[in-house]
Each structure stands twice: as structure tokens, then as C-alpha cells.
Amino acid sequence: IVKAIDLSAADFALVNCSAYADADFEELQSYFKPRLLLSFGVLPET
């Protein structure tokens, strides 16, 4: 997926949210300042 959309490891931040079960969108947005968020297995309600 990353290769298909022409990204390298320097371009993105990858977070395993299982270690941050209480993290919300606002906290992630404040920390990472993303313009694009790709979520695999992390539900929007979470």
C-alpha cells in the first residue's frame, strides 16, 4: 500500500494504537498534525 501510493518510511508516522487505547482523534491530531490519516483496524468510534 505504502509503495503503491509512493511513500517512504520518512513520509509517514505509523502508530500501533493497541498501546494507546485511550488516545482520541484530537490528541493524535495535536501530536502528529496529519493531513492524511489511514486507519487499519482502529475504528473511528474508538
PDB file of all heavy atoms in Angstrom:
ATOM      1  N   ILE A   1       0.845  -1.208   0.000  1.00  0.00           N
ATOM      2  CA  ILE A   1       0.000   0.000   0.000  1.00  0.00           C
ATOM      3  C   ILE A   1       0.872   1.245   0.000  1.00  0.00           C
ATOM      4  O   ILE A   1       0.671   2.170  -0.792  1.00  0.00           O
ATOM      5  CB  ILE A   1      -0.957  -0.005   1.217  1.00  0.00           C
ATOM      6  CG1 ILE A   1      -2.020  -1.099   1.059  1.00  0.00           C
ATOM      7  CG2 ILE A   1      -1.608   1.361   1.405  1.00  0.00           C
ATOM      8  CD1 ILE A   1      -2.848  -1.350   2.304  1.00  0.00           C
ATOM      9  N   VAL A   2       1.854   1.265   0.886  1.00  0.00           N
ATOM     10  CA  VAL A   2       2.740   2.429   1.004  1.00  0.00           C
ATOM     11  C   VAL A   2       3.502   2.652  -0.307  1.00  0.00           C
ATOM     12  O   VAL A   2       3.616   3.781  -0.781  1.00  0.00           O
ATOM     13  CB  VAL A   2       3.706   2.236   2.202  1.00  0.00           C
ATOM     14  CG1 VAL A   2       4.849   3.227   2.169  1.00  0.00           C
ATOM     15  CG2 VAL A   2       2.938   2.346   3.513  1.00  0.00           C
ATOM     16  N   LYS A   3       3.996   1.568  -0.894  1.00  0.00           N
ATOM     17  CA  LYS A   3       4.727   1.673  -2.166  1.00  0.00           C
ATOM     18  C   LYS A   3       3.794   2.138  -3.284  1.00  0.00           C
ATOM     19  O   LYS A   3       4.169   2.958  -4.121  1.00  0.00           O
ATOM     20  CB  LYS A   3       5.359   0.328  -2.516  1.00  0.00           C
ATOM     21  CG  LYS A   3       6.240   0.375  -3.729  1.00  0.00           C
ATOM     22  CD  LYS A   3       6.901  -0.957  -3.994  1.00  0.00           C
ATOM     23  CE  LYS A   3       7.745  -0.877  -5.251  1.00  0.00           C
ATOM     24  NZ  LYS A   3       8.363  -2.162  -5.557  1.00  0.00           N
ATOM     25  N   ALA A   4       2.564   1.625  -3.300  1.00  0.00           N
ATOM     26  CA  ALA A   4       1.620   1.974  -4.368  1.00  0.00           C
ATOM     27  C   ALA A   4       1.244   3.448  -4.347  1.00  0.00           C
ATOM     28  O   ALA A   4       0.974   4.033  -5.404  1.00  0.00           O
ATOM     29  CB  ALA A   4       0.357   1.114  -4.248  1.00  0.00           C
ATOM     30  N   ILE A   5       1.225   4.057  -3.173  1.00  0.00           N
ATOM     31  CA  ILE A   5       0.887   5.487  -3.117  1.00  0.00           C
ATOM     32  C   ILE A   5       2.150   6.347  -3.007  1.00  0.00           C
ATOM     33  O   ILE A   5       2.094   7.509  -2.656  1.00  0.00           O
ATOM     34  CB  ILE A   5      -0.125   5.814  -1.988  1.00  0.00           C
ATOM     35  CG1 ILE A   5       0.380   5.371  -0.624  1.00  0.00           C
ATOM     36  CG2 ILE A   5      -1.472   5.204  -2.297  1.00  0.00           C
ATOM     37  CD1 ILE A   5      -0.563   5.739   0.526  1.00  0.00           C
ATOM     38  N   ASP A   6       3.283   5.730  -3.336  1.00  0.00           N
ATOM     39  CA  ASP A   6       4.562   6.425  -3.487  1.00  0.00           C
ATOM     40  C   ASP A   6       5.049   7.088  -2.199  1.00  0.00           C
ATOM     41  O   ASP A   6       5.443   8.252  -2.198  1.00  0.00           O
ATOM     42  CB  ASP A   6       4.447   7.469  -4.604  1.00  0.00           C
ATOM     43  CG  ASP A   6       5.656   7.457  -5.498  1.00  0.00           C
ATOM     44  OD1 ASP A   6       6.447   6.512  -5.407  1.00  0.00           O
ATOM     45  OD2 ASP A   6       5.815   8.412  -6.286  1.00  0.00           O
ATOM     46  N   LEU A   7       5.040   6.325  -1.106  1.00  0.00           N
ATOM     47  CA  LEU A   7       5.531   6.842   0.167  1.00  0.00           C
ATOM     48  C   LEU A   7       6.749   6.051   0.614  1.00  0.00           C
ATOM     49  O   LEU A   7       6.895   4.885   0.285  1.00  0.00           O
ATOM     50  CB  LEU A   7       4.452   6.719   1.252  1.00  0.00           C
ATOM     51  CG  LEU A   7       3.183   7.541   1.084  1.00  0.00           C
ATOM     52  CD1 LEU A   7       2.211   7.238   2.217  1.00  0.00           C
ATOM     53  CD2 LEU A   7       3.492   9.022   1.026  1.00  0.00           C
ATOM     54  N   SER A   8       7.592   6.715   1.392  1.00  0.00           N
ATOM     55  CA  SER A   8       8.706   6.028   2.047  1.00  0.00           C
ATOM     56  C   SER A   8       8.494   6.143   3.550  1.00  0.00           C
ATOM     57  O   SER A   8       7.632   6.900   4.015  1.00  0.00           O
ATOM     58  CB  SER A   8      10.040   6.669   1.645  1.00  0.00           C
ATOM     59  OG  SER A   8      10.157   7.950   2.233  1.00  0.00           O
ATOM     60  N   ALA A   9       9.293   5.441   4.316  1.00  0.00           N
ATOM     61  CA  ALA A   9       9.152   5.460   5.782  1.00  0.00           C
ATOM     62  C   ALA A   9       9.348   6.868   6.341  1.00  0.00           C
ATOM     63  O   ALA A   9       8.809   7.194   7.400  1.00  0.00           O
ATOM     64  CB  ALA A   9      10.142   4.494   6.416  1.00  0.00           C
ATOM     65  N   ALA A  10      10.083   7.703   5.652  1.00  0.00           N
ATOM     66  CA  ALA A  10      10.286   9.072   6.125  1.00  0.00           C
ATOM     67  C   ALA A  10       9.015   9.923   5.979  1.00  0.00           C
ATOM     68  O   ALA A  10       8.865  10.930   6.665  1.00  0.00           O
ATOM     69  CB  ALA A  10      11.433   9.723   5.356  1.00  0.00           C
ATOM     70  N   ASP A  11       8.108   9.512   5.120  1.00  0.00           N
ATOM     71  CA  ASP A  11       6.923  10.328   4.816  1.00  0.00           C
ATOM     72  C   ASP A  11       5.806  10.217   5.840  1.00  0.00           C
ATOM     73  O   ASP A  11       4.972  11.109   5.949  1.00  0.00           O
ATOM     74  CB  ASP A  11       6.360   9.927   3.449  1.00  0.00           C
ATOM     75  CG  ASP A  11       7.336  10.200   2.322  1.00  0.00           C
ATOM     76  OD1 ASP A  11       8.163  11.115   2.461  1.00  0.00           O
ATOM     77  OD2 ASP A  11       7.271   9.486   1.303  1.00  0.00           O
ATOM     78  N   PHE A  12       5.736   9.113   6.579  1.00  0.00           N
ATOM     79  CA  PHE A  12       4.589   8.885   7.457  1.00  0.00           C
ATOM     80  C   PHE A  12       5.028   8.518   8.862  1.00  0.00           C
ATOM     81  O   PHE A  12       6.192   8.206   9.105  1.00  0.00           O
ATOM     82  CB  PHE A  12       3.694   7.773   6.892  1.00  0.00           C
ATOM     83  CG  PHE A  12       4.385   6.452   6.724  1.00  0.00           C
ATOM     84  CD1 PHE A  12       4.512   5.567   7.785  1.00  0.00           C
ATOM     85  CD2 PHE A  12       4.925   6.083   5.497  1.00  0.00           C
ATOM     86  CE1 PHE A  12       5.159   4.348   7.632  1.00  0.00           C
ATOM     87  CE2 PHE A  12       5.560   4.865   5.325  1.00  0.00           C
ATOM     88  CZ  PHE A  12       5.680   4.002   6.403  1.00  0.00           C
ATOM     89  N   ALA A  13       4.057   8.569   9.773  1.00  0.00           N
ATOM     90  CA  ALA A  13       4.228   8.054  11.133  1.00  0.00           C
ATOM     91  C   ALA A  13       3.270   6.882  11.282  1.00  0.00           C
ATOM     92  O   ALA A  13       2.088   7.003  10.969  1.00  0.00           O
ATOM     93  CB  ALA A  13       3.919   9.128  12.163  1.00  0.00           C
ATOM     94  N   LEU A  14       3.783   5.749  11.746  1.00  0.00           N
ATOM     95  CA  LEU A  14       2.984   4.543  11.932  1.00  0.00           C
ATOM     96  C   LEU A  14       2.857   4.283  13.426  1.00  0.00           C
ATOM     97  O   LEU A  14       3.851   4.124  14.116  1.00  0.00           O
ATOM     98  CB  LEU A  14       3.651   3.353  11.238  1.00  0.00           C
ATOM     99  CG  LEU A  14       3.025   1.991  11.462  1.00  0.00           C
ATOM    100  CD1 LEU A  14       1.655   1.912  10.803  1.00  0.00           C
ATOM    101  CD2 LEU A  14       3.920   0.892  10.923  1.00  0.00           C
ATOM    102  N   VAL A  15       1.617   4.249  13.920  1.00  0.00           N
ATOM    103  CA  VAL A  15       1.355   4.068  15.346  1.00  0.00           C
ATOM    104  C   VAL A  15       0.493   2.834  15.550  1.00  0.00           C
ATOM    105  O   VAL A  15      -0.543   2.693  14.903  1.00  0.00           O
ATOM    106  CB  VAL A  15       0.621   5.298  15.942  1.00  0.00           C
ATOM    107  CG1 VAL A  15       0.289   5.085  17.403  1.00  0.00           C
ATOM    108  CG2 VAL A  15       1.438   6.560  15.760  1.00  0.00           C
ATOM    109  N   ASN A  16       0.921   1.960  16.459  1.00  0.00           N
ATOM    110  CA  ASN A  16       0.095   0.823  16.857  1.00  0.00           C
ATOM    111  C   ASN A  16      -0.771   1.299  18.018  1.00  0.00           C
ATOM    112  O   ASN A  16      -0.292   1.475  19.137  1.00  0.00           O
ATOM    113  CB  ASN A  16       0.951  -0.372  17.270  1.00  0.00           C
ATOM    114  CG  ASN A  16       0.130  -1.612  17.501  1.00  0.00           C
ATOM    115  OD1 ASN A  16      -1.073  -1.548  17.759  1.00  0.00           O
ATOM    116  ND2 ASN A  16       0.768  -2.756  17.417  1.00  0.00           N
ATOM    117  N   CYS A  17      -2.037   1.525  17.756  1.00  0.00           N
ATOM    118  CA  CYS A  17      -2.953   2.098  18.745  1.00  0.00           C
ATOM    119  C   CYS A  17      -3.348   1.132  19.854  1.00  0.00           C
ATOM    120  O   CYS A  17      -3.987   1.555  20.817  1.00  0.00           O
ATOM    121  CB  CYS A  17      -4.199   2.644  18.059  1.00  0.00           C
ATOM    122  SG  CYS A  17      -3.866   4.185  17.201  1.00  0.00           S
ATOM    123  N   SER A  18      -2.984  -0.132  19.735  1.00  0.00           N
ATOM    124  CA  SER A  18      -3.325  -1.055  20.820  1.00  0.00           C
ATOM    125  C   SER A  18      -2.603  -0.655  22.107  1.00  0.00           C
ATOM    126  O   SER A  18      -3.062  -0.962  23.196  1.00  0.00           O
ATOM    127  CB  SER A  18      -3.008  -2.491  20.433  1.00  0.00           C
ATOM    128  OG  SER A  18      -1.617  -2.654  20.246  1.00  0.00           O
ATOM    129  N   ALA A  19      -1.503   0.062  21.991  1.00  0.00           N
ATOM    130  CA  ALA A  19      -0.774   0.551  23.161  1.00  0.00           C
ATOM    131  C   ALA A  19      -1.356   1.869  23.680  1.00  0.00           C
ATOM    132  O   ALA A  19      -0.986   2.325  24.755  1.00  0.00           O
ATOM    133  CB  ALA A  19       0.697   0.745  22.821  1.00  0.00           C
ATOM    134  N   TYR A  20      -2.249   2.483  22.917  1.00  0.00           N
ATOM    135  CA  TYR A  20      -2.841   3.776  23.283  1.00  0.00           C
ATOM    136  C   TYR A  20      -4.357   3.702  23.151  1.00  0.00           C
ATOM    137  O   TYR A  20      -4.970   4.467  22.408  1.00  0.00           O
ATOM    138  CB  TYR A  20      -2.297   4.882  22.368  1.00  0.00           C
ATOM    139  CG  TYR A  20      -0.793   4.925  22.336  1.00  0.00           C
ATOM    140  CD1 TYR A  20      -0.079   4.406  21.252  1.00  0.00           C
ATOM    141  CD2 TYR A  20      -0.074   5.463  23.391  1.00  0.00           C
ATOM    142  CE1 TYR A  20       1.302   4.436  21.222  1.00  0.00           C
ATOM    143  CE2 TYR A  20       1.313   5.495  23.375  1.00  0.00           C
ATOM    144  CZ  TYR A  20       1.989   4.981  22.283  1.00  0.00           C
ATOM    145  OH  TYR A  20       3.362   5.007  22.266  1.00  0.00           O
ATOM    146  N   ALA A  21      -4.957   2.793  23.881  1.00  0.00           N
ATOM    147  CA  ALA A  21      -6.388   2.537  23.761  1.00  0.00           C
ATOM    148  C   ALA A  21      -7.225   3.773  24.084  1.00  0.00           C
ATOM    149  O   ALA A  21      -8.329   3.925  23.567  1.00  0.00           O
ATOM    150  CB  ALA A  21      -6.802   1.379  24.663  1.00  0.00           C
ATOM    151  N   ASP A  22      -6.718   4.666  24.912  1.00  0.00           N
ATOM    152  CA  ASP A  22      -7.482   5.848  25.305  1.00  0.00           C
ATOM    153  C   ASP A  22      -7.183   7.072  24.446  1.00  0.00           C
ATOM    154  O   ASP A  22      -7.738   8.142  24.672  1.00  0.00           O
ATOM    155  CB  ASP A  22      -7.225   6.171  26.778  1.00  0.00           C
ATOM    156  CG  ASP A  22      -5.767   6.504  27.055  1.00  0.00           C
ATOM    157  OD1 ASP A  22      -4.886   6.047  26.292  1.00  0.00           O
ATOM    158  OD2 ASP A  22      -5.497   7.212  28.048  1.00  0.00           O
ATOM    159  N   ALA A  23      -6.320   6.944  23.461  1.00  0.00           N
ATOM    160  CA  ALA A  23      -5.996   8.078  22.597  1.00  0.00           C
ATOM    161  C   ALA A  23      -7.185   8.403  21.714  1.00  0.00           C
ATOM    162  O   ALA A  23      -7.834   7.527  21.169  1.00  0.00           O
ATOM    163  CB  ALA A  23      -4.774   7.760  21.740  1.00  0.00           C
ATOM    164  N   ASP A  24      -7.463   9.687  21.566  1.00  0.00           N
ATOM    165  CA  ASP A  24      -8.567  10.098  20.704  1.00  0.00           C
ATOM    166  C   ASP A  24      -8.030  10.886  19.508  1.00  0.00           C
ATOM    167  O   ASP A  24      -6.841  11.189  19.423  1.00  0.00           O
ATOM    168  CB  ASP A  24      -9.625  10.885  21.484  1.00  0.00           C
ATOM    169  CG  ASP A  24      -9.090  12.167  22.107  1.00  0.00           C
ATOM    170  OD1 ASP A  24      -7.933  12.566  21.828  1.00  0.00           O
ATOM    171  OD2 ASP A  24      -9.832  12.787  22.882  1.00  0.00           O
ATOM    172  N   PHE A  25      -8.931  11.205  18.603  1.00  0.00           N
ATOM    173  CA  PHE A  25      -8.558  11.899  17.372  1.00  0.00           C
ATOM    174  C   PHE A  25      -7.880  13.226  17.682  1.00  0.00           C
ATOM    175  O   PHE A  25      -6.864  13.571  17.078  1.00  0.00           O
ATOM    176  CB  PHE A  25      -9.803  12.121  16.503  1.00  0.00           C
ATOM    177  CG  PHE A  25      -9.520  12.863  15.233  1.00  0.00           C
ATOM    178  CD1 PHE A  25      -8.924  12.216  14.161  1.00  0.00           C
ATOM    179  CD2 PHE A  25      -9.838  14.207  15.113  1.00  0.00           C
ATOM    180  CE1 PHE A  25      -8.654  12.897  12.986  1.00  0.00           C
ATOM    181  CE2 PHE A  25      -9.566  14.892  13.940  1.00  0.00           C
ATOM    182  CZ  PHE A  25      -8.976  14.237  12.874  1.00  0.00           C
ATOM    183  N   GLU A  26      -8.422  13.967  18.632  1.00  0.00           N
ATOM    184  CA  GLU A  26      -7.875  15.282  18.976  1.00  0.00           C
ATOM    185  C   GLU A  26      -6.423  15.173  19.445  1.00  0.00           C
ATOM    186  O   GLU A  26      -5.570  15.965  19.057  1.00  0.00           O
ATOM    187  CB  GLU A  26      -8.743  15.925  20.065  1.00  0.00           C
ATOM    188  CG  GLU A  26      -8.329  17.321  20.439  1.00  0.00           C
ATOM    189  CD  GLU A  26      -9.236  17.888  21.501  1.00  0.00           C
ATOM    190  OE1 GLU A  26     -10.470  17.934  21.283  1.00  0.00           O
ATOM    191  OE2 GLU A  26      -8.710  18.282  22.561  1.00  0.00           O
ATOM    192  N   GLU A  27      -6.138  14.192  20.288  1.00  0.00           N
ATOM    193  CA  GLU A  27      -4.782  14.009  20.801  1.00  0.00           C
ATOM    194  C   GLU A  27      -3.824  13.604  19.680  1.00  0.00           C
ATOM    195  O   GLU A  27      -2.704  14.122  19.585  1.00  0.00           O
ATOM    196  CB  GLU A  27      -4.779  12.957  21.907  1.00  0.00           C
ATOM    197  CG  GLU A  27      -3.453  12.813  22.606  1.00  0.00           C
ATOM    198  CD  GLU A  27      -3.483  11.808  23.740  1.00  0.00           C
ATOM    199  OE1 GLU A  27      -4.465  11.060  23.888  1.00  0.00           O
ATOM    200  OE2 GLU A  27      -2.486  11.765  24.479  1.00  0.00           O
ATOM    201  N   LEU A  28      -4.241  12.692  18.823  1.00  0.00           N
ATOM    202  CA  LEU A  28      -3.407  12.278  17.697  1.00  0.00           C
ATOM    203  C   LEU A  28      -3.198  13.433  16.723  1.00  0.00           C
ATOM    204  O   LEU A  28      -2.085  13.640  16.223  1.00  0.00           O
ATOM    205  CB  LEU A  28      -4.045  11.089  16.971  1.00  0.00           C
ATOM    206  CG  LEU A  28      -4.056   9.776  17.751  1.00  0.00           C
ATOM    207  CD1 LEU A  28      -5.012   8.780  17.106  1.00  0.00           C
ATOM    208  CD2 LEU A  28      -2.656   9.196  17.860  1.00  0.00           C
ATOM    209  N   GLN A  29      -4.245  14.204  16.485  1.00  0.00           N
ATOM    210  CA  GLN A  29      -4.150  15.348  15.581  1.00  0.00           C
ATOM    211  C   GLN A  29      -3.190  16.389  16.148  1.00  0.00           C
ATOM    212  O   GLN A  29      -2.363  16.949  15.420  1.00  0.00           O
ATOM    213  CB  GLN A  29      -5.542  15.963  15.371  1.00  0.00           C
ATOM    214  CG  GLN A  29      -5.549  17.161  14.464  1.00  0.00           C
ATOM    215  CD  GLN A  29      -6.933  17.783  14.373  1.00  0.00           C
ATOM    216  OE1 GLN A  29      -7.799  17.549  15.194  1.00  0.00           O
ATOM    217  NE2 GLN A  29      -7.126  18.601  13.368  1.00  0.00           N
ATOM    218  N   SER A  30      -3.277  16.643  17.424  1.00  0.00           N
ATOM    219  CA  SER A  30      -2.407  17.625  18.066  1.00  0.00           C
ATOM    220  C   SER A  30      -0.945  17.195  18.011  1.00  0.00           C
ATOM    221  O   SER A  30      -0.050  18.008  17.796  1.00  0.00           O
ATOM    222  CB  SER A  30      -2.852  17.820  19.519  1.00  0.00           C
ATOM    223  OG  SER A  30      -1.927  18.597  20.224  1.00  0.00           O
ATOM    224  N   TYR A  31      -0.683  15.925  18.188  1.00  0.00           N
ATOM    225  CA  TYR A  31       0.692  15.417  18.237  1.00  0.00           C
ATOM    226  C   TYR A  31       1.310  15.286  16.849  1.00  0.00           C
ATOM    227  O   TYR A  31       2.439  15.708  16.615  1.00  0.00           O
ATOM    228  CB  TYR A  31       0.724  14.062  18.958  1.00  0.00           C
ATOM    229  CG  TYR A  31       2.117  13.562  19.239  1.00  0.00           C
ATOM    230  CD1 TYR A  31       2.784  13.939  20.393  1.00  0.00           C
ATOM    231  CD2 TYR A  31       2.760  12.708  18.349  1.00  0.00           C
ATOM    232  CE1 TYR A  31       4.065  13.474  20.659  1.00  0.00           C
ATOM    233  CE2 TYR A  31       4.036  12.238  18.606  1.00  0.00           C
ATOM    234  CZ  TYR A  31       4.686  12.627  19.760  1.00  0.00           C
ATOM    235  OH  TYR A  31       5.952  12.170  20.005  1.00  0.00           O
ATOM    236  N   PHE A  32       0.581  14.669  15.907  1.00  0.00           N
ATOM    237  CA  PHE A  32       1.145  14.354  14.596  1.00  0.00           C
ATOM    238  C   PHE A  32       0.817  15.382  13.513  1.00  0.00           C
ATOM    239  O   PHE A  32       1.467  15.402  12.479  1.00  0.00           O
ATOM    240  CB  PHE A  32       0.673  12.970  14.131  1.00  0.00           C
ATOM    241  CG  PHE A  32       1.243  11.855  14.942  1.00  0.00           C
ATOM    242  CD1 PHE A  32       0.487  11.224  15.907  1.00  0.00           C
ATOM    243  CD2 PHE A  32       2.551  11.433  14.753  1.00  0.00           C
ATOM    244  CE1 PHE A  32       1.013  10.190  16.660  1.00  0.00           C
ATOM    245  CE2 PHE A  32       3.091  10.400  15.491  1.00  0.00           C
ATOM    246  CZ  PHE A  32       2.317   9.778  16.459  1.00  0.00           C
ATOM    247  N   LYS A  33      -0.207  16.187  13.702  1.00  0.00           N
ATOM    248  CA  LYS A  33      -0.646  17.182  12.725  1.00  0.00           C
ATOM    249  C   LYS A  33      -0.817  16.573  11.318  1.00  0.00           C
ATOM    250  O   LYS A  33      -0.268  17.051  10.333  1.00  0.00           O
ATOM    251  CB  LYS A  33       0.343  18.339  12.663  1.00  0.00           C
ATOM    252  CG  LYS A  33       0.721  18.886  14.026  1.00  0.00           C
ATOM    253  CD  LYS A  33       0.489  20.326  14.154  1.00  0.00           C
ATOM    254  CE  LYS A  33       0.906  20.905  15.471  1.00  0.00           C
ATOM    255  NZ  LYS A  33       0.342  20.356  16.654  1.00  0.00           N
ATOM    256  N   PRO A  34      -1.609  15.487  11.215  1.00  0.00           N
ATOM    257  CA  PRO A  34      -1.727  14.801   9.921  1.00  0.00           C
ATOM    258  C   PRO A  34      -2.609  15.579   8.942  1.00  0.00           C
ATOM    259  O   PRO A  34      -3.523  16.286   9.329  1.00  0.00           O
ATOM    260  CB  PRO A  34      -2.406  13.485  10.292  1.00  0.00           C
ATOM    261  CG  PRO A  34      -3.238  13.828  11.479  1.00  0.00           C
ATOM    262  CD  PRO A  34      -2.431  14.854  12.239  1.00  0.00           C
ATOM    263  N   ARG A  35      -2.284  15.415   7.667  1.00  0.00           N
ATOM    264  CA  ARG A  35      -3.184  15.908   6.619  1.00  0.00           C
ATOM    265  C   ARG A  35      -3.925  14.725   6.020  1.00  0.00           C
ATOM    266  O   ARG A  35      -4.950  14.871   5.376  1.00  0.00           O
ATOM    267  CB  ARG A  35      -2.440  16.697   5.560  1.00  0.00           C
ATOM    268  CG  ARG A  35      -1.384  15.928   4.812  1.00  0.00           C
ATOM    269  CD  ARG A  35      -0.604  16.843   3.866  1.00  0.00           C
ATOM    270  NE  ARG A  35       0.419  16.113   3.160  1.00  0.00           N
ATOM    271  CZ  ARG A  35       0.279  15.627   1.935  1.00  0.00           C
ATOM    272  NH1 ARG A  35      -0.827  15.802   1.277  1.00  0.00           N
ATOM    273  NH2 ARG A  35       1.260  14.970   1.360  1.00  0.00           N
ATOM    274  N   LEU A  36      -3.368  13.514   6.256  1.00  0.00           N
ATOM    275  CA  LEU A  36      -3.979  12.266   5.817  1.00  0.00           C
ATOM    276  C   LEU A  36      -3.840  11.251   6.934  1.00  0.00           C
ATOM    277  O   LEU A  36      -2.767  11.105   7.512  1.00  0.00           O
ATOM    278  CB  LEU A  36      -3.288  11.744   4.547  1.00  0.00           C
ATOM    279  CG  LEU A  36      -3.651  10.331   4.086  1.00  0.00           C
ATOM    280  CD1 LEU A  36      -5.123  10.229   3.699  1.00  0.00           C
ATOM    281  CD2 LEU A  36      -2.768   9.910   2.916  1.00  0.00           C
ATOM    282  N   LEU A  37      -4.942  10.562   7.246  1.00  0.00           N
ATOM    283  CA  LEU A  37      -4.926   9.500   8.251  1.00  0.00           C
ATOM    284  C   LEU A  37      -5.445   8.224   7.607  1.00  0.00           C
ATOM    285  O   LEU A  37      -6.558   8.204   7.081  1.00  0.00           O
ATOM    286  CB  LEU A  37      -5.800   9.885   9.447  1.00  0.00           C
ATOM    287  CG  LEU A  37      -5.819   8.883  10.600  1.00  0.00           C
ATOM    288  CD1 LEU A  37      -5.881   9.636  11.912  1.00  0.00           C
ATOM    289  CD2 LEU A  37      -6.979   7.937  10.500  1.00  0.00           C
ATOM    290  N   LEU A  38      -4.624   7.182   7.621  1.00  0.00           N
ATOM    291  CA  LEU A  38      -5.019   5.860   7.144  1.00  0.00           C
ATOM    292  C   LEU A  38      -5.121   4.968   8.367  1.00  0.00           C
ATOM    293  O   LEU A  38      -4.160   4.824   9.115  1.00  0.00           O
ATOM    294  CB  LEU A  38      -3.982   5.288   6.180  1.00  0.00           C
ATOM    295  CG  LEU A  38      -3.686   6.089   4.916  1.00  0.00           C
ATOM    296  CD1 LEU A  38      -2.531   5.456   4.147  1.00  0.00           C
ATOM    297  CD2 LEU A  38      -4.922   6.169   4.045  1.00  0.00           C
ATOM    298  N   SER A  39      -6.288   4.391   8.578  1.00  0.00           N
ATOM    299  CA  SER A  39      -6.514   3.589   9.774  1.00  0.00           C
ATOM    300  C   SER A  39      -6.844   2.149   9.396  1.00  0.00           C
ATOM    301  O   SER A  39      -7.782   1.895   8.655  1.00  0.00           O
ATOM    302  CB  SER A  39      -7.665   4.192  10.581  1.00  0.00           C
ATOM    303  OG  SER A  39      -7.943   3.392  11.689  1.00  0.00           O
ATOM    304  N   PHE A  40      -6.060   1.226   9.954  1.00  0.00           N
ATOM    305  CA  PHE A  40      -6.260  -0.199   9.694  1.00  0.00           C
ATOM    306  C   PHE A  40      -6.607  -0.896  11.002  1.00  0.00           C
ATOM    307  O   PHE A  40      -5.735  -1.165  11.815  1.00  0.00           O
ATOM    308  CB  PHE A  40      -5.011  -0.812   9.068  1.00  0.00           C
ATOM    309  CG  PHE A  40      -4.650  -0.200   7.744  1.00  0.00           C
ATOM    310  CD1 PHE A  40      -3.687   0.790   7.662  1.00  0.00           C
ATOM    311  CD2 PHE A  40      -5.300  -0.600   6.594  1.00  0.00           C
ATOM    312  CE1 PHE A  40      -3.364   1.365   6.448  1.00  0.00           C
ATOM    313  CE2 PHE A  40      -4.985  -0.026   5.363  1.00  0.00           C
ATOM    314  CZ  PHE A  40      -4.018   0.960   5.297  1.00  0.00           C
ATOM    315  N   GLY A  41      -7.898  -1.116  11.205  1.00  0.00           N
ATOM    316  CA  GLY A  41      -8.346  -1.813  12.409  1.00  0.00           C
ATOM    317  C   GLY A  41      -8.650  -0.905  13.585  1.00  0.00           C
ATOM    318  O   GLY A  41      -9.077  -1.376  14.631  1.00  0.00           O
ATOM    319  N   VAL A  42      -8.422   0.387  13.452  1.00  0.00           N
ATOM    320  CA  VAL A  42      -8.772   1.344  14.504  1.00  0.00           C
ATOM    321  C   VAL A  42     -10.068   2.022  14.061  1.00  0.00           C
ATOM    322  O   VAL A  42     -10.091   2.731  13.061  1.00  0.00           O
ATOM    323  CB  VAL A  42      -7.667   2.396  14.724  1.00  0.00           C
ATOM    324  CG1 VAL A  42      -8.063   3.370  15.818  1.00  0.00           C
ATOM    325  CG2 VAL A  42      -6.344   1.714  15.055  1.00  0.00           C
ATOM    326  N   LEU A  43     -11.131   1.758  14.795  1.00  0.00           N
ATOM    327  CA  LEU A  43     -12.445   2.271  14.417  1.00  0.00           C
ATOM    328  C   LEU A  43     -12.554   3.764  14.703  1.00  0.00           C
ATOM    329  O   LEU A  43     -11.968   4.253  15.676  1.00  0.00           O
ATOM    330  CB  LEU A  43     -13.533   1.527  15.183  1.00  0.00           C
ATOM    331  CG  LEU A  43     -13.612   0.022  14.952  1.00  0.00           C
ATOM    332  CD1 LEU A  43     -14.617  -0.613  15.899  1.00  0.00           C
ATOM    333  CD2 LEU A  43     -13.972  -0.263  13.509  1.00  0.00           C
ATOM    334  N   PRO A  44     -13.318   4.490  13.889  1.00  0.00           N
ATOM    335  CA  PRO A  44     -13.490   5.920  14.145  1.00  0.00           C
ATOM    336  C   PRO A  44     -14.107   6.186  15.522  1.00  0.00           C
ATOM    337  O   PRO A  44     -13.749   7.153  16.193  1.00  0.00           O
ATOM    338  CB  PRO A  44     -14.412   6.395  13.016  1.00  0.00           C
ATOM    339  CG  PRO A  44     -14.771   5.211  12.216  1.00  0.00           C
ATOM    340  CD  PRO A  44     -14.016   4.039  12.698  1.00  0.00           C
ATOM    341  N   GLU A  45     -15.011   5.312  15.967  1.00  0.00           N
ATOM    342  CA  GLU A  45     -15.644   5.495  17.278  1.00  0.00           C
ATOM    343  C   GLU A  45     -14.609   5.409  18.396  1.00  0.00           C
ATOM    344  O   GLU A  45     -14.730   6.087  19.415  1.00  0.00           O
ATOM    345  CB  GLU A  45     -16.725   4.437  17.537  1.00  0.00           C
ATOM    346  CG  GLU A  45     -17.786   4.322  16.469  1.00  0.00           C
ATOM    347  CD  GLU A  45     -17.426   3.338  15.357  1.00  0.00           C
ATOM    348  OE1 GLU A  45     -17.600   2.114  15.510  1.00  0.00           O
ATOM    349  OE2 GLU A  45     -16.976   3.822  14.304  1.00  0.00           O
ATOM    350  N   THR A  46     -13.598   4.580  18.223  1.00  0.00           N
ATOM    351  CA  THR A  46     -12.523   4.458  19.205  1.00  0.00           C
ATOM    352  C   THR A  46     -11.777   5.779  19.347  1.00  0.00           C
ATOM    353  O   THR A  46     -11.301   6.112  20.427  1.00  0.00           O
ATOM    354  CB  THR A  46     -11.530   3.351  18.780  1.00  0.00           C
ATOM    355  OG1 THR A  46     -12.249   2.147  18.559  1.00  0.00           O
ATOM    356  CG2 THR A  46     -10.464   3.131  19.821  1.00  0.00           C
TER     357      THR A  46
END
